[in-house]
Amino acid sequence: MGFAFDEKDFLACCGSARFAAEMARASPFPSLQAAVAAARDVWFDRVDVSGWLEAFAAHPQIGETKSAAPGKSEASAQWSKGEQSTALATATGSSLQELSDWNVRYKQKFGFIFIICASGRTSPEILAELKKRFSNRPIEEFQIAAEEQMKVTELRLAKLFSSKEHMASTGDQGPAGPAKKAEDRVSIIGGHLTAVSEVSSNKTSQSTNRTRPPITTHVLDVSQGCPASGIEVRLEMWRGNKPRPLFGEAEAGGWRLQGVSSTDKDGRSGQLMDIVNEINPGIYRISFNTSKYCPGGFFPYVSIVFEIRETQKQEHFHVPLLFSPFSFTTYRGS
């Protein structure tokens, strides 16, 4: 039982073919909340950098209504138009021209169009955000764009479920008549978005039956725009005499190895620890042998230290590395 959708439906929510295929495979979903949780897992942990770029390309530029990418769905086009309605309603001829000019500058710098969840935002607000983000480093902006894409996807999933629920409530008799007020639709979607927000803020799974280790990672080579394969990855846990490692103090003998693996062709590491229902709270260190991948780079290796607290034992921690020969960044994925 649940809400069943096909690849075409999910492709309208997010323009990555890999995302749509994975979501269709996981369908049906018992609720919107379950679909959002699955979508975040697929987007941040299974779709590679080329899939992210494919999804970005499916959007029209802010200020336009049609995507430059061919073959995109009519539903996606209609949703994009609706999401930009506030921006277009508050735009003038001069502001649209300025948006167009900045869109060109942005794409020249970063290699993809400016992605923002535009729903409810005015043209001046979007233009100000575009100018602000233009100063970001490419790897930082790539991460922000992926987060914004996920916001758009969650919004569209809510619309997808709203449509399915309405069809079910009317006995699948087709589109609603004119008596169906727009306010009712907004109310339904708004209720779903509230649920989405609750899911996003509470990452603890209702089920403790994991299908993957609690800690995972992948590496993206942002200088090449592709996954980084063949990088050795080590996961360790702090087991020293002191409760936690201290900055500037010797750490000899304090770290205990949990697992070693190497990234595959998609940039994802193999299993770094056992699949357990509850991870031991503590301080962990994940290290990447970047010198082997890029011998002439600035970093001989990269280590990321993070703490998992008692209240987070059932959560999943995805720690990706966005890497280039002379810079790197990371973030906490879902």
C-alpha atoms as a PDB file:
ATOM      1  CA  MET A   1       0.000   0.000   0.000  1.00  0.00           C
ATOM      2  CA  GLY A   2       1.100   3.546  -0.582  1.00  0.00           C
ATOM      3  CA  PHE A   3       1.552   6.177  -3.253  1.00  0.00           C
ATOM      4  CA  ALA A   4       3.062   4.812  -6.464  1.00  0.00           C
ATOM      5  CA  PHE A   5       4.797   6.971  -9.062  1.00  0.00           C
ATOM      6  CA  ASP A   6       6.914   6.255 -12.140  1.00  0.00           C
ATOM      7  CA  GLU A   7      10.202   7.658 -13.435  1.00  0.00           C
ATOM      8  CA  LYS A   8       8.435  10.367 -15.421  1.00  0.00           C
ATOM      9  CA  ASP A   9       6.841  11.710 -12.238  1.00  0.00           C
ATOM     10  CA  PHE A  10      10.144  11.835 -10.369  1.00  0.00           C
ATOM     11  CA  LEU A  11      11.975  13.296 -13.367  1.00  0.00           C
ATOM     12  CA  ALA A  12       9.581  16.249 -13.172  1.00  0.00           C
ATOM     13  CA  CYS A  13      10.627  16.712  -9.538  1.00  0.00           C
ATOM     14  CA  CYS A  14      14.358  16.468 -10.252  1.00  0.00           C
ATOM     15  CA  GLY A  15      15.945  16.357 -13.708  1.00  0.00           C
ATOM     16  CA  SER A  16      18.495  13.650 -12.894  1.00  0.00           C
ATOM     17  CA  ALA A  17      17.746  10.357 -14.664  1.00  0.00           C
ATOM     18  CA  ARG A  18      19.577   8.436 -11.917  1.00  0.00           C
ATOM     19  CA  PHE A  19      17.449  10.136  -9.254  1.00  0.00           C
ATOM     20  CA  ALA A  20      14.213   9.340 -11.104  1.00  0.00           C
ATOM     21  CA  ALA A  21      15.175   5.699 -11.639  1.00  0.00           C
ATOM     22  CA  GLU A  22      16.178   5.161  -7.991  1.00  0.00           C
ATOM     23  CA  MET A  23      13.008   6.798  -6.680  1.00  0.00           C
ATOM     24  CA  ALA A  24      10.777   4.807  -9.053  1.00  0.00           C
ATOM     25  CA  ARG A  25      12.517   1.642  -7.898  1.00  0.00           C
ATOM     26  CA  ALA A  26      11.791   2.544  -4.254  1.00  0.00           C
ATOM     27  CA  SER A  27       8.132   3.428  -4.980  1.00  0.00           C
ATOM     28  CA  PRO A  28       5.448   3.102  -3.641  1.00  0.00           C
ATOM     29  CA  PHE A  29       5.893   5.275  -0.546  1.00  0.00           C
ATOM     30  CA  PRO A  30       3.553   5.177   2.459  1.00  0.00           C
ATOM     31  CA  SER A  31       3.729   8.954   2.900  1.00  0.00           C
ATOM     32  CA  LEU A  32       5.297  12.168   1.677  1.00  0.00           C
ATOM     33  CA  GLN A  33       7.686  12.064   4.617  1.00  0.00           C
ATOM     34  CA  ALA A  34       8.983   8.670   3.518  1.00  0.00           C
ATOM     35  CA  ALA A  35       9.429   9.891  -0.062  1.00  0.00           C
ATOM     36  CA  VAL A  36      11.362  12.984   1.093  1.00  0.00           C
ATOM     37  CA  ALA A  37      13.651  10.867   3.267  1.00  0.00           C
ATOM     38  CA  ALA A  38      14.324   8.543   0.318  1.00  0.00           C
ATOM     39  CA  ALA A  39      14.868  11.494  -2.025  1.00  0.00           C
ATOM     40  CA  ARG A  40      17.494  13.044   0.245  1.00  0.00           C
ATOM     41  CA  ASP A  41      19.275   9.700   0.497  1.00  0.00           C
ATOM     42  CA  VAL A  42      19.259   9.216  -3.281  1.00  0.00           C
ATOM     43  CA  TRP A  43      20.269  12.791  -4.105  1.00  0.00           C
ATOM     44  CA  PHE A  44      23.130  13.150  -1.635  1.00  0.00           C
ATOM     45  CA  ASP A  45      24.356   9.563  -1.464  1.00  0.00           C
ATOM     46  CA  ARG A  46      23.690   7.884  -4.830  1.00  0.00           C
ATOM     47  CA  VAL A  47      23.539  10.539  -7.549  1.00  0.00           C
ATOM     48  CA  ASP A  48      27.032  11.461  -8.753  1.00  0.00           C
ATOM     49  CA  VAL A  49      28.333  14.839  -9.900  1.00  0.00           C
ATOM     50  CA  SER A  50      27.167  14.320 -13.480  1.00  0.00           C
ATOM     51  CA  GLY A  51      23.662  13.629 -12.168  1.00  0.00           C
ATOM     52  CA  TRP A  52      23.731  16.844 -10.141  1.00  0.00           C
ATOM     53  CA  LEU A  53      24.733  18.796 -13.251  1.00  0.00           C
ATOM     54  CA  GLU A  54      22.002  17.058 -15.271  1.00  0.00           C
ATOM     55  CA  ALA A  55      19.401  18.169 -12.717  1.00  0.00           C
ATOM     56  CA  PHE A  56      20.706  21.748 -12.717  1.00  0.00           C
ATOM     57  CA  ALA A  57      20.483  21.868 -16.519  1.00  0.00           C
ATOM     58  CA  ALA A  58      16.803  20.851 -16.431  1.00  0.00           C
ATOM     59  CA  HIS A  59      15.858  24.215 -14.883  1.00  0.00           C
ATOM     60  CA  PRO A  60      15.182  27.389 -16.842  1.00  0.00           C
ATOM     61  CA  GLN A  61      17.337  30.312 -15.844  1.00  0.00           C
ATOM     62  CA  ILE A  62      15.776  32.660 -13.310  1.00  0.00           C
ATOM     63  CA  GLY A  63      13.720  35.132 -15.308  1.00  0.00           C
ATOM     64  CA  GLU A  64      12.956  32.628 -18.061  1.00  0.00           C
ATOM     65  CA  THR A  65      10.276  29.938 -18.307  1.00  0.00           C
ATOM     66  CA  LYS A  66      11.859  27.333 -20.578  1.00  0.00           C
ATOM     67  CA  SER A  67      14.870  25.139 -19.918  1.00  0.00           C
ATOM     68  CA  ALA A  68      17.669  25.054 -22.468  1.00  0.00           C
ATOM     69  CA  ALA A  69      17.887  21.272 -21.978  1.00  0.00           C
ATOM     70  CA  PRO A  70      15.765  19.352 -24.529  1.00  0.00           C
ATOM     71  CA  GLY A  71      13.025  16.857 -23.733  1.00  0.00           C
ATOM     72  CA  LYS A  72      12.043  18.086 -20.281  1.00  0.00           C
ATOM     73  CA  SER A  73       8.560  17.294 -18.989  1.00  0.00           C
ATOM     74  CA  GLU A  74       5.568  19.572 -19.263  1.00  0.00           C
ATOM     75  CA  ALA A  75       4.922  19.182 -15.527  1.00  0.00           C
ATOM     76  CA  SER A  76       8.438  20.397 -14.740  1.00  0.00           C
ATOM     77  CA  ALA A  77       7.961  23.407 -17.016  1.00  0.00           C
ATOM     78  CA  GLN A  78       4.650  24.300 -15.384  1.00  0.00           C
ATOM     79  CA  TRP A  79       6.094  23.933 -11.894  1.00  0.00           C
ATOM     80  CA  SER A  80       9.073  26.114 -12.806  1.00  0.00           C
ATOM     81  CA  LYS A  81       6.706  28.777 -14.086  1.00  0.00           C
ATOM     82  CA  GLY A  82       4.718  28.671 -10.855  1.00  0.00           C
ATOM     83  CA  GLU A  83       7.828  28.743  -8.680  1.00  0.00           C
ATOM     84  CA  GLN A  84       9.037  31.858 -10.477  1.00  0.00           C
ATOM     85  CA  SER A  85       5.642  33.584 -10.471  1.00  0.00           C
ATOM     86  CA  THR A  86       6.500  35.948  -7.619  1.00  0.00           C
ATOM     87  CA  ALA A  87       9.849  36.834  -9.184  1.00  0.00           C
ATOM     88  CA  LEU A  88       8.283  37.499 -12.580  1.00  0.00           C
ATOM     89  CA  ALA A  89       5.434  39.514 -11.050  1.00  0.00           C
ATOM     90  CA  THR A  90       7.893  41.792  -9.236  1.00  0.00           C
ATOM     91  CA  ALA A  91      10.326  42.178 -12.137  1.00  0.00           C
ATOM     92  CA  THR A  92      10.767  45.153 -14.410  1.00  0.00           C
ATOM     93  CA  GLY A  93      12.373  45.306 -17.828  1.00  0.00           C
ATOM     94  CA  SER A  94      15.614  46.582 -16.334  1.00  0.00           C
ATOM     95  CA  SER A  95      15.698  44.020 -13.516  1.00  0.00           C
ATOM     96  CA  LEU A  96      15.081  41.171 -15.962  1.00  0.00           C
ATOM     97  CA  GLN A  97      17.977  42.420 -18.075  1.00  0.00           C
ATOM     98  CA  GLU A  98      20.200  42.621 -14.995  1.00  0.00           C
ATOM     99  CA  LEU A  99      19.185  39.094 -14.017  1.00  0.00           C
ATOM    100  CA  SER A 100      20.031  37.897 -17.512  1.00  0.00           C
ATOM    101  CA  ASP A 101      23.448  39.572 -17.408  1.00  0.00           C
ATOM    102  CA  TRP A 102      24.273  38.084 -14.011  1.00  0.00           C
ATOM    103  CA  ASN A 103      23.038  34.653 -15.122  1.00  0.00           C
ATOM    104  CA  VAL A 104      25.569  34.763 -17.950  1.00  0.00           C
ATOM    105  CA  ARG A 105      28.394  35.814 -15.599  1.00  0.00           C
ATOM    106  CA  TYR A 106      27.445  33.106 -13.108  1.00  0.00           C
ATOM    107  CA  LYS A 107      27.426  30.324 -15.708  1.00  0.00           C
ATOM    108  CA  GLN A 108      30.759  31.476 -17.127  1.00  0.00           C
ATOM    109  CA  LYS A 109      32.331  31.246 -13.666  1.00  0.00           C
ATOM    110  CA  PHE A 110      30.740  28.069 -12.312  1.00  0.00           C
ATOM    111  CA  GLY A 111      29.800  26.095 -15.432  1.00  0.00           C
ATOM    112  CA  PHE A 112      26.112  25.653 -14.548  1.00  0.00           C
ATOM    113  CA  ILE A 113      23.095  27.931 -14.208  1.00  0.00           C
ATOM    114  CA  PHE A 114      22.182  29.684 -10.961  1.00  0.00           C
ATOM    115  CA  ILE A 115      20.002  27.333  -8.885  1.00  0.00           C
ATOM    116  CA  ILE A 116      17.759  28.706  -6.155  1.00  0.00           C
ATOM    117  CA  CYS A 117      14.415  27.661  -4.694  1.00  0.00           C
ATOM    118  CA  ALA A 118      12.585  30.678  -6.120  1.00  0.00           C
ATOM    119  CA  SER A 119       9.127  29.963  -4.693  1.00  0.00           C
ATOM    120  CA  GLY A 120       7.807  33.094  -2.968  1.00  0.00           C
ATOM    121  CA  ARG A 121      10.942  35.149  -3.664  1.00  0.00           C
ATOM    122  CA  THR A 122      10.811  38.521  -5.394  1.00  0.00           C
ATOM    123  CA  SER A 123      13.022  39.484  -8.294  1.00  0.00           C
ATOM    124  CA  PRO A 124      15.151  41.881  -6.153  1.00  0.00           C
ATOM    125  CA  GLU A 125      15.637  39.148  -3.515  1.00  0.00           C
ATOM    126  CA  ILE A 126      16.809  36.621  -6.086  1.00  0.00           C
ATOM    127  CA  LEU A 127      19.140  39.102  -7.775  1.00  0.00           C
ATOM    128  CA  ALA A 128      20.684  40.026  -4.417  1.00  0.00           C
ATOM    129  CA  GLU A 129      21.254  36.340  -3.602  1.00  0.00           C
ATOM    130  CA  LEU A 130      22.796  35.719  -7.038  1.00  0.00           C
ATOM    131  CA  LYS A 131      25.264  38.570  -6.537  1.00  0.00           C
ATOM    132  CA  LYS A 132      26.084  37.360  -3.036  1.00  0.00           C
ATOM    133  CA  ARG A 133      26.751  33.770  -4.127  1.00  0.00           C
ATOM    134  CA  PHE A 134      28.800  34.862  -7.138  1.00  0.00           C
ATOM    135  CA  SER A 135      31.750  35.531  -4.810  1.00  0.00           C
ATOM    136  CA  ASN A 136      31.770  31.929  -3.532  1.00  0.00           C
ATOM    137  CA  ARG A 137      34.475  29.441  -4.416  1.00  0.00           C
ATOM    138  CA  PRO A 138      33.310  26.937  -7.070  1.00  0.00           C
ATOM    139  CA  ILE A 139      33.325  23.954  -4.704  1.00  0.00           C
ATOM    140  CA  GLU A 140      31.338  25.919  -2.108  1.00  0.00           C
ATOM    141  CA  GLU A 141      28.803  27.091  -4.683  1.00  0.00           C
ATOM    142  CA  PHE A 142      28.407  23.562  -6.078  1.00  0.00           C
ATOM    143  CA  GLN A 143      27.372  22.382  -2.616  1.00  0.00           C
ATOM    144  CA  ILE A 144      24.907  25.262  -2.170  1.00  0.00           C
ATOM    145  CA  ALA A 145      23.362  24.596  -5.582  1.00  0.00           C
ATOM    146  CA  ALA A 146      22.840  20.927  -4.655  1.00  0.00           C
ATOM    147  CA  GLU A 147      21.089  21.954  -1.419  1.00  0.00           C
ATOM    148  CA  GLU A 148      18.848  24.395  -3.319  1.00  0.00           C
ATOM    149  CA  GLN A 149      17.999  21.663  -5.836  1.00  0.00           C
ATOM    150  CA  MET A 150      16.893  19.457  -2.940  1.00  0.00           C
ATOM    151  CA  LYS A 151      14.596  22.232  -1.668  1.00  0.00           C
ATOM    152  CA  VAL A 152      12.972  22.436  -5.110  1.00  0.00           C
ATOM    153  CA  THR A 153      12.643  18.644  -5.228  1.00  0.00           C
ATOM    154  CA  GLU A 154      10.923  18.530  -1.830  1.00  0.00           C
ATOM    155  CA  LEU A 155       8.506  21.250  -2.911  1.00  0.00           C
ATOM    156  CA  ARG A 156       7.632  19.323  -6.070  1.00  0.00           C
ATOM    157  CA  LEU A 157       7.250  16.031  -4.239  1.00  0.00           C
ATOM    158  CA  ALA A 158       4.677  17.751  -2.039  1.00  0.00           C
ATOM    159  CA  LYS A 159       2.804  18.844  -5.169  1.00  0.00           C
ATOM    160  CA  LEU A 160       3.022  15.312  -6.589  1.00  0.00           C
ATOM    161  CA  PHE A 161       1.558  13.766  -3.433  1.00  0.00           C
ATOM    162  CA  SER A 162      -1.084  16.487  -3.215  1.00  0.00           C
ATOM    163  CA  SER A 163      -2.241  15.649  -6.728  1.00  0.00           C
ATOM    164  CA  LYS A 164      -2.343  11.921  -5.994  1.00  0.00           C
ATOM    165  CA  GLU A 165      -4.257  12.421  -2.740  1.00  0.00           C
ATOM    166  CA  HIS A 166      -6.813  14.626  -4.452  1.00  0.00           C
ATOM    167  CA  MET A 167      -7.386  12.035  -7.176  1.00  0.00           C
ATOM    168  CA  ALA A 168      -7.882   9.361  -4.526  1.00  0.00           C
ATOM    169  CA  SER A 169     -10.324  11.510  -2.539  1.00  0.00           C
ATOM    170  CA  THR A 170     -12.460  12.132  -5.641  1.00  0.00           C
ATOM    171  CA  GLY A 171     -12.502   8.507  -6.702  1.00  0.00           C
ATOM    172  CA  ASP A 172      -9.948   9.091  -9.466  1.00  0.00           C
ATOM    173  CA  GLN A 173     -12.551  10.957 -11.498  1.00  0.00           C
ATOM    174  CA  GLY A 174     -10.112  13.285 -13.234  1.00  0.00           C
ATOM    175  CA  PRO A 175      -9.288  16.929 -12.670  1.00  0.00           C
ATOM    176  CA  ALA A 176     -11.179  18.935 -10.071  1.00  0.00           C
ATOM    177  CA  GLY A 177     -13.993  21.153 -11.252  1.00  0.00           C
ATOM    178  CA  PRO A 178     -14.012  24.934 -10.994  1.00  0.00           C
ATOM    179  CA  ALA A 179     -15.511  24.753  -7.520  1.00  0.00           C
ATOM    180  CA  LYS A 180     -12.155  23.483  -6.252  1.00  0.00           C
ATOM    181  CA  LYS A 181     -10.582  26.655  -4.914  1.00  0.00           C
ATOM    182  CA  ALA A 182      -6.912  27.457  -5.337  1.00  0.00           C
ATOM    183  CA  GLU A 183      -6.745  28.181  -1.601  1.00  0.00           C
ATOM    184  CA  ASP A 184      -7.551  24.529  -0.884  1.00  0.00           C
ATOM    185  CA  ARG A 185      -4.643  23.364  -3.030  1.00  0.00           C
ATOM    186  CA  VAL A 186      -2.260  25.781  -1.333  1.00  0.00           C
ATOM    187  CA  SER A 187      -3.452  24.569   2.055  1.00  0.00           C
ATOM    188  CA  ILE A 188      -2.802  20.935   1.150  1.00  0.00           C
ATOM    189  CA  ILE A 189       0.673  21.683  -0.200  1.00  0.00           C
ATOM    190  CA  GLY A 190       1.453  23.903   2.767  1.00  0.00           C
ATOM    191  CA  GLY A 191       0.574  21.084   5.136  1.00  0.00           C
ATOM    192  CA  HIS A 192       2.895  18.742   3.288  1.00  0.00           C
ATOM    193  CA  LEU A 193       5.714  21.271   3.344  1.00  0.00           C
ATOM    194  CA  THR A 194       5.341  21.551   7.106  1.00  0.00           C
ATOM    195  CA  ALA A 195       5.762  17.791   7.290  1.00  0.00           C
ATOM    196  CA  VAL A 196       8.811  18.033   5.019  1.00  0.00           C
ATOM    197  CA  SER A 197      10.348  20.590   7.351  1.00  0.00           C
ATOM    198  CA  GLU A 198       9.796  18.302  10.317  1.00  0.00           C
ATOM    199  CA  VAL A 199      11.448  15.402   8.511  1.00  0.00           C
ATOM    200  CA  SER A 200      14.445  17.551   7.547  1.00  0.00           C
ATOM    201  CA  SER A 201      14.968  18.813  11.088  1.00  0.00           C
ATOM    202  CA  ASN A 202      14.571  15.375  12.683  1.00  0.00           C
ATOM    203  CA  LYS A 203      16.939  13.004  10.918  1.00  0.00           C
ATOM    204  CA  THR A 204      16.427  10.084  13.308  1.00  0.00           C
ATOM    205  CA  SER A 205      14.861   7.199  11.433  1.00  0.00           C
ATOM    206  CA  GLN A 206      11.664   5.685  12.760  1.00  0.00           C
ATOM    207  CA  SER A 207      13.078   2.288  11.844  1.00  0.00           C
ATOM    208  CA  THR A 208      16.387   1.023  13.182  1.00  0.00           C
ATOM    209  CA  ASN A 209      16.861  -1.556  10.435  1.00  0.00           C
ATOM    210  CA  ARG A 210      19.690  -0.036   8.426  1.00  0.00           C
ATOM    211  CA  THR A 211      20.591  -1.043   4.894  1.00  0.00           C
ATOM    212  CA  ARG A 212      23.999   0.710   4.904  1.00  0.00           C
ATOM    213  CA  PRO A 213      26.684   1.618   7.434  1.00  0.00           C
ATOM    214  CA  PRO A 214      26.013   4.638   9.690  1.00  0.00           C
ATOM    215  CA  ILE A 215      28.978   6.537   8.175  1.00  0.00           C
ATOM    216  CA  THR A 216      29.489   6.815   4.405  1.00  0.00           C
ATOM    217  CA  THR A 217      31.389   9.112   2.065  1.00  0.00           C
ATOM    218  CA  HIS A 218      32.165   9.937  -1.531  1.00  0.00           C
ATOM    219  CA  VAL A 219      34.721  12.174  -3.264  1.00  0.00           C
ATOM    220  CA  LEU A 220      34.077  14.604  -6.119  1.00  0.00           C
ATOM    221  CA  ASP A 221      36.927  16.082  -8.147  1.00  0.00           C
ATOM    222  CA  VAL A 222      35.515  19.555  -8.747  1.00  0.00           C
ATOM    223  CA  SER A 223      38.503  20.595 -10.866  1.00  0.00           C
ATOM    224  CA  GLN A 224      37.547  17.921 -13.429  1.00  0.00           C
ATOM    225  CA  GLY A 225      33.807  17.888 -12.758  1.00  0.00           C
ATOM    226  CA  CYS A 226      33.720  14.140 -12.102  1.00  0.00           C
ATOM    227  CA  PRO A 227      33.856  11.556  -9.305  1.00  0.00           C
ATOM    228  CA  ALA A 228      37.328  10.820  -7.910  1.00  0.00           C
ATOM    229  CA  SER A 229      38.059   7.099  -8.084  1.00  0.00           C
ATOM    230  CA  GLY A 230      40.878   5.136  -6.470  1.00  0.00           C
ATOM    231  CA  ILE A 231      41.299   7.330  -3.364  1.00  0.00           C
ATOM    232  CA  GLU A 232      42.107   5.362  -0.227  1.00  0.00           C
ATOM    233  CA  VAL A 233      39.744   6.187   2.664  1.00  0.00           C
ATOM    234  CA  ARG A 234      40.293   5.397   6.363  1.00  0.00           C
ATOM    235  CA  LEU A 235      37.722   5.673   9.133  1.00  0.00           C
ATOM    236  CA  GLU A 236      38.955   5.877  12.750  1.00  0.00           C
ATOM    237  CA  MET A 237      37.399   6.445  16.171  1.00  0.00           C
ATOM    238  CA  TRP A 238      39.010   8.229  19.111  1.00  0.00           C
ATOM    239  CA  ARG A 239      39.898   5.799  21.906  1.00  0.00           C
ATOM    240  CA  GLY A 240      42.635   7.755  23.684  1.00  0.00           C
ATOM    241  CA  ASN A 241      43.216   8.217  27.399  1.00  0.00           C
ATOM    242  CA  LYS A 242      41.522  11.606  27.312  1.00  0.00           C
ATOM    243  CA  PRO A 243      37.789  11.984  26.564  1.00  0.00           C
ATOM    244  CA  ARG A 244      38.540  13.799  23.322  1.00  0.00           C
ATOM    245  CA  PRO A 245      41.548  14.829  21.225  1.00  0.00           C
ATOM    246  CA  LEU A 246      42.675  18.380  21.874  1.00  0.00           C
ATOM    247  CA  PHE A 247      43.948  20.770  19.257  1.00  0.00           C
ATOM    248  CA  GLY A 248      47.754  21.066  19.381  1.00  0.00           C
ATOM    249  CA  GLU A 249      48.330  18.017  21.598  1.00  0.00           C
ATOM    250  CA  ALA A 250      49.946  14.730  20.532  1.00  0.00           C
ATOM    251  CA  GLU A 251      47.465  12.084  19.436  1.00  0.00           C
ATOM    252  CA  ALA A 252      49.724   9.016  19.232  1.00  0.00           C
ATOM    253  CA  GLY A 253      47.832   5.799  19.908  1.00  0.00           C
ATOM    254  CA  GLY A 254      44.509   7.540  20.399  1.00  0.00           C
ATOM    255  CA  TRP A 255      42.812   6.632  17.133  1.00  0.00           C
ATOM    256  CA  ARG A 256      41.476   3.120  16.482  1.00  0.00           C
ATOM    257  CA  LEU A 257      40.914   1.956  12.913  1.00  0.00           C
ATOM    258  CA  GLN A 258      37.298   1.150  11.974  1.00  0.00           C
ATOM    259  CA  GLY A 259      37.771   0.364   8.303  1.00  0.00           C
ATOM    260  CA  VAL A 260      39.671   1.036   5.064  1.00  0.00           C
ATOM    261  CA  SER A 261      38.367   1.204   1.512  1.00  0.00           C
ATOM    262  CA  SER A 262      38.930   2.925  -1.850  1.00  0.00           C
ATOM    263  CA  THR A 263      36.529   5.020  -3.896  1.00  0.00           C
ATOM    264  CA  ASP A 264      34.935   3.385  -6.938  1.00  0.00           C
ATOM    265  CA  LYS A 265      34.193   4.858 -10.380  1.00  0.00           C
ATOM    266  CA  ASP A 266      31.336   6.888  -8.848  1.00  0.00           C
ATOM    267  CA  GLY A 267      33.664   8.299  -6.181  1.00  0.00           C
ATOM    268  CA  ARG A 268      31.999   6.286  -3.405  1.00  0.00           C
ATOM    269  CA  SER A 269      33.918   4.347  -0.817  1.00  0.00           C
ATOM    270  CA  GLY A 270      33.154   0.766   0.073  1.00  0.00           C
ATOM    271  CA  GLN A 271      31.926  -0.269   3.510  1.00  0.00           C
ATOM    272  CA  LEU A 272      34.008   1.441   6.219  1.00  0.00           C
ATOM    273  CA  MET A 273      32.260  -0.102   9.238  1.00  0.00           C
ATOM    274  CA  ASP A 274      29.678  -2.699  10.166  1.00  0.00           C
ATOM    275  CA  ILE A 275      25.989  -2.103   9.475  1.00  0.00           C
ATOM    276  CA  VAL A 276      24.661  -1.630  13.006  1.00  0.00           C
ATOM    277  CA  ASN A 277      21.369  -0.273  14.314  1.00  0.00           C
ATOM    278  CA  GLU A 278      23.080   2.170  16.682  1.00  0.00           C
ATOM    279  CA  ILE A 279      26.504   3.703  16.159  1.00  0.00           C
ATOM    280  CA  ASN A 280      28.749   4.225  19.183  1.00  0.00           C
ATOM    281  CA  PRO A 281      28.766   7.918  20.150  1.00  0.00           C
ATOM    282  CA  GLY A 282      32.196   9.521  20.052  1.00  0.00           C
ATOM    283  CA  ILE A 283      34.680  11.368  17.895  1.00  0.00           C
ATOM    284  CA  TYR A 284      35.498  10.002  14.465  1.00  0.00           C
ATOM    285  CA  ARG A 285      38.119  10.844  11.862  1.00  0.00           C
ATOM    286  CA  ILE A 286      37.781  10.103   8.162  1.00  0.00           C
ATOM    287  CA  SER A 287      40.938  10.532   6.062  1.00  0.00           C
ATOM    288  CA  PHE A 288      41.496  10.618   2.304  1.00  0.00           C
ATOM    289  CA  ASN A 289      44.819   9.769   0.630  1.00  0.00           C
ATOM    290  CA  THR A 290      44.584  12.605  -1.894  1.00  0.00           C
ATOM    291  CA  SER A 291      48.313  12.569  -2.747  1.00  0.00           C
ATOM    292  CA  LYS A 292      47.938   9.224  -4.516  1.00  0.00           C
ATOM    293  CA  TYR A 293      45.107  10.608  -6.631  1.00  0.00           C
ATOM    294  CA  CYS A 294      46.783  13.971  -7.304  1.00  0.00           C
ATOM    295  CA  PRO A 295      50.577  13.692  -6.706  1.00  0.00           C
ATOM    296  CA  GLY A 296      51.210  17.326  -7.663  1.00  0.00           C
ATOM    297  CA  GLY A 297      48.476  18.752  -5.440  1.00  0.00           C
ATOM    298  CA  PHE A 298      48.856  20.873  -2.329  1.00  0.00           C
ATOM    299  CA  PHE A 299      47.398  18.324   0.126  1.00  0.00           C
ATOM    300  CA  PRO A 300      49.276  15.072   0.928  1.00  0.00           C
ATOM    301  CA  TYR A 301      46.083  13.872   2.615  1.00  0.00           C
ATOM    302  CA  VAL A 302      42.849  15.326   4.020  1.00  0.00           C
ATOM    303  CA  SER A 303      41.366  14.420   7.429  1.00  0.00           C
ATOM    304  CA  ILE A 304      37.936  15.420   8.717  1.00  0.00           C
ATOM    305  CA  VAL A 305      37.156  15.069  12.434  1.00  0.00           C
ATOM    306  CA  PHE A 306      33.549  15.073  13.672  1.00  0.00           C
ATOM    307  CA  GLU A 307      31.582  14.098  16.783  1.00  0.00           C
ATOM    308  CA  ILE A 308      28.507  11.869  16.982  1.00  0.00           C
ATOM    309  CA  ARG A 309      26.482  12.493  20.135  1.00  0.00           C
ATOM    310  CA  GLU A 310      24.369  10.153  22.248  1.00  0.00           C
ATOM    311  CA  THR A 311      21.160  11.526  20.742  1.00  0.00           C
ATOM    312  CA  GLN A 312      22.403  10.799  17.201  1.00  0.00           C
ATOM    313  CA  LYS A 313      23.076   7.060  17.497  1.00  0.00           C
ATOM    314  CA  GLN A 314      20.389   6.096  14.965  1.00  0.00           C
ATOM    315  CA  GLU A 315      21.211   8.784  12.400  1.00  0.00           C
ATOM    316  CA  HIS A 316      23.121   8.376   9.160  1.00  0.00           C
ATOM    317  CA  PHE A 317      26.229  10.511   8.556  1.00  0.00           C
ATOM    318  CA  HIS A 318      27.328  11.127   4.992  1.00  0.00           C
ATOM    319  CA  VAL A 319      30.641  13.024   4.868  1.00  0.00           C
ATOM    320  CA  PRO A 320      31.499  13.852   1.239  1.00  0.00           C
ATOM    321  CA  LEU A 321      34.731  15.505   0.109  1.00  0.00           C
ATOM    322  CA  LEU A 322      34.631  18.086  -2.696  1.00  0.00           C
ATOM    323  CA  PHE A 323      38.272  18.180  -3.752  1.00  0.00           C
ATOM    324  CA  SER A 324      40.600  19.941  -6.168  1.00  0.00           C
ATOM    325  CA  PRO A 325      44.435  19.996  -6.198  1.00  0.00           C
ATOM    326  CA  PHE A 326      44.526  23.224  -4.178  1.00  0.00           C
ATOM    327  CA  SER A 327      41.294  23.334  -2.185  1.00  0.00           C
ATOM    328  CA  PHE A 328      38.690  21.141  -0.530  1.00  0.00           C
ATOM    329  CA  THR A 329      35.452  21.375   1.409  1.00  0.00           C
ATOM    330  CA  THR A 330      32.906  19.066   3.016  1.00  0.00           C
ATOM    331  CA  TYR A 331      29.455  19.172   4.572  1.00  0.00           C
ATOM    332  CA  ARG A 332      27.122  16.985   6.570  1.00  0.00           C
ATOM    333  CA  GLY A 333      24.820  15.073   4.245  1.00  0.00           C
ATOM    334  CA  SER A 334      21.749  13.168   5.319  1.00  0.00           C
END
